[in-house]
Amino acid sequence: MIDLAMLLGAFLVGVAAGLLLLLRIADAREGHNLRAEPPTRVAAAARRMTGLYVQAPATPVRPEDDGR
């Protein structure tokens, strides 16, 4: 029983490490440019997994046109 628990724990740690590695690879490929569309499907998946949805406005807003 203890052996099964240890194997399950090792498996879960391996899965978590694999996910962190994939997120790290996607972040390195992204180039820290979150305002543009993701360059690859891996980067898009990493954004979905981490919740990094950054959307730039369709047209740039100038400070004098901000509606005040």
C-alpha atoms as a PDB file:
ATOM      1  CA  MET A   1       0.000   0.000   0.000  1.00  0.00           C
ATOM      2  CA  ILE A   2       2.836   2.358   0.869  1.00  0.00           C
ATOM      3  CA  ASP A   3       4.557   1.434  -2.389  1.00  0.00           C
ATOM      4  CA  LEU A   4       1.466   2.359  -4.372  1.00  0.00           C
ATOM      5  CA  ALA A   5       1.205   5.713  -2.590  1.00  0.00           C
ATOM      6  CA  MET A   6       4.873   6.439  -3.296  1.00  0.00           C
ATOM      7  CA  LEU A   7       4.474   5.532  -6.973  1.00  0.00           C
ATOM      8  CA  LEU A   8       1.403   7.721  -7.274  1.00  0.00           C
ATOM      9  CA  GLY A   9       3.237  10.589  -5.576  1.00  0.00           C
ATOM     10  CA  ALA A  10       6.222  10.206  -7.889  1.00  0.00           C
ATOM     11  CA  PHE A  11       3.918  10.128 -10.906  1.00  0.00           C
ATOM     12  CA  LEU A  12       2.134  13.315  -9.824  1.00  0.00           C
ATOM     13  CA  VAL A  13       5.437  15.083  -9.183  1.00  0.00           C
ATOM     14  CA  GLY A  14       6.612  14.021 -12.648  1.00  0.00           C
ATOM     15  CA  VAL A  15       3.439  15.346 -14.273  1.00  0.00           C
ATOM     16  CA  ALA A  16       3.774  18.672 -12.436  1.00  0.00           C
ATOM     17  CA  ALA A  17       7.444  18.961 -13.423  1.00  0.00           C
ATOM     18  CA  GLY A  18       6.573  18.204 -17.050  1.00  0.00           C
ATOM     19  CA  LEU A  19       3.894  20.887 -17.121  1.00  0.00           C
ATOM     20  CA  LEU A  20       6.253  23.430 -15.581  1.00  0.00           C
ATOM     21  CA  LEU A  21       8.885  22.533 -18.164  1.00  0.00           C
ATOM     22  CA  LEU A  22       6.410  23.015 -21.027  1.00  0.00           C
ATOM     23  CA  LEU A  23       5.327  26.377 -19.609  1.00  0.00           C
ATOM     24  CA  ARG A  24       8.965  27.423 -19.276  1.00  0.00           C
ATOM     25  CA  ILE A  25       9.702  26.470 -22.893  1.00  0.00           C
ATOM     26  CA  ALA A  26       6.617  28.324 -24.123  1.00  0.00           C
ATOM     27  CA  ASP A  27       7.586  31.410 -22.118  1.00  0.00           C
ATOM     28  CA  ALA A  28      11.083  31.390 -23.589  1.00  0.00           C
ATOM     29  CA  ARG A  29       9.683  31.172 -27.129  1.00  0.00           C
ATOM     30  CA  GLU A  30       7.148  33.901 -26.437  1.00  0.00           C
ATOM     31  CA  GLY A  31       9.804  36.557 -26.037  1.00  0.00           C
ATOM     32  CA  HIS A  32       7.705  38.411 -23.437  1.00  0.00           C
ATOM     33  CA  ASN A  33       5.550  40.054 -26.095  1.00  0.00           C
ATOM     34  CA  LEU A  34       2.080  39.459 -24.691  1.00  0.00           C
ATOM     35  CA  ARG A  35       0.341  42.160 -26.709  1.00  0.00           C
ATOM     36  CA  ALA A  36       0.554  40.291 -30.004  1.00  0.00           C
ATOM     37  CA  GLU A  37      -0.958  36.993 -31.054  1.00  0.00           C
ATOM     38  CA  PRO A  38       0.981  33.998 -29.743  1.00  0.00           C
ATOM     39  CA  PRO A  39       3.599  32.924 -32.303  1.00  0.00           C
ATOM     40  CA  THR A  40       3.096  29.181 -31.796  1.00  0.00           C
ATOM     41  CA  ARG A  41       0.422  26.771 -30.598  1.00  0.00           C
ATOM     42  CA  VAL A  42       2.609  25.950 -27.597  1.00  0.00           C
ATOM     43  CA  ALA A  43       2.680  29.622 -26.618  1.00  0.00           C
ATOM     44  CA  ALA A  44      -1.091  29.854 -27.074  1.00  0.00           C
ATOM     45  CA  ALA A  45      -1.596  26.785 -24.884  1.00  0.00           C
ATOM     46  CA  ALA A  46       0.710  28.236 -22.232  1.00  0.00           C
ATOM     47  CA  ARG A  47      -1.314  31.452 -22.230  1.00  0.00           C
ATOM     48  CA  ARG A  48      -4.531  29.472 -21.795  1.00  0.00           C
ATOM     49  CA  MET A  49      -3.073  27.402 -18.963  1.00  0.00           C
ATOM     50  CA  THR A  50      -1.716  30.414 -17.071  1.00  0.00           C
ATOM     51  CA  GLY A  51      -4.584  32.796 -17.853  1.00  0.00           C
ATOM     52  CA  LEU A  52      -2.384  35.388 -19.578  1.00  0.00           C
ATOM     53  CA  TYR A  53      -4.894  36.946 -21.902  1.00  0.00           C
ATOM     54  CA  VAL A  54      -3.585  40.400 -22.741  1.00  0.00           C
ATOM     55  CA  GLN A  55      -5.538  42.249 -25.376  1.00  0.00           C
ATOM     56  CA  ALA A  56      -4.363  45.457 -26.939  1.00  0.00           C
ATOM     57  CA  PRO A  57      -7.015  47.984 -27.928  1.00  0.00           C
ATOM     58  CA  ALA A  58      -8.101  47.880 -31.574  1.00  0.00           C
ATOM     59  CA  THR A  59      -7.083  51.508 -32.030  1.00  0.00           C
ATOM     60  CA  PRO A  60      -4.495  53.254 -29.890  1.00  0.00           C
ATOM     61  CA  VAL A  61      -5.981  55.678 -27.392  1.00  0.00           C
ATOM     62  CA  ARG A  62      -4.194  58.994 -27.054  1.00  0.00           C
ATOM     63  CA  PRO A  63      -4.106  60.611 -23.611  1.00  0.00           C
ATOM     64  CA  GLU A  64      -6.157  63.594 -24.830  1.00  0.00           C
ATOM     65  CA  ASP A  65      -8.856  61.282 -26.280  1.00  0.00           C
ATOM     66  CA  ASP A  66      -9.535  59.236 -23.162  1.00  0.00           C
ATOM     67  CA  GLY A  67     -13.076  60.578 -22.710  1.00  0.00           C
ATOM     68  CA  ARG A  68     -12.539  62.889 -19.770  1.00  0.00           C
END
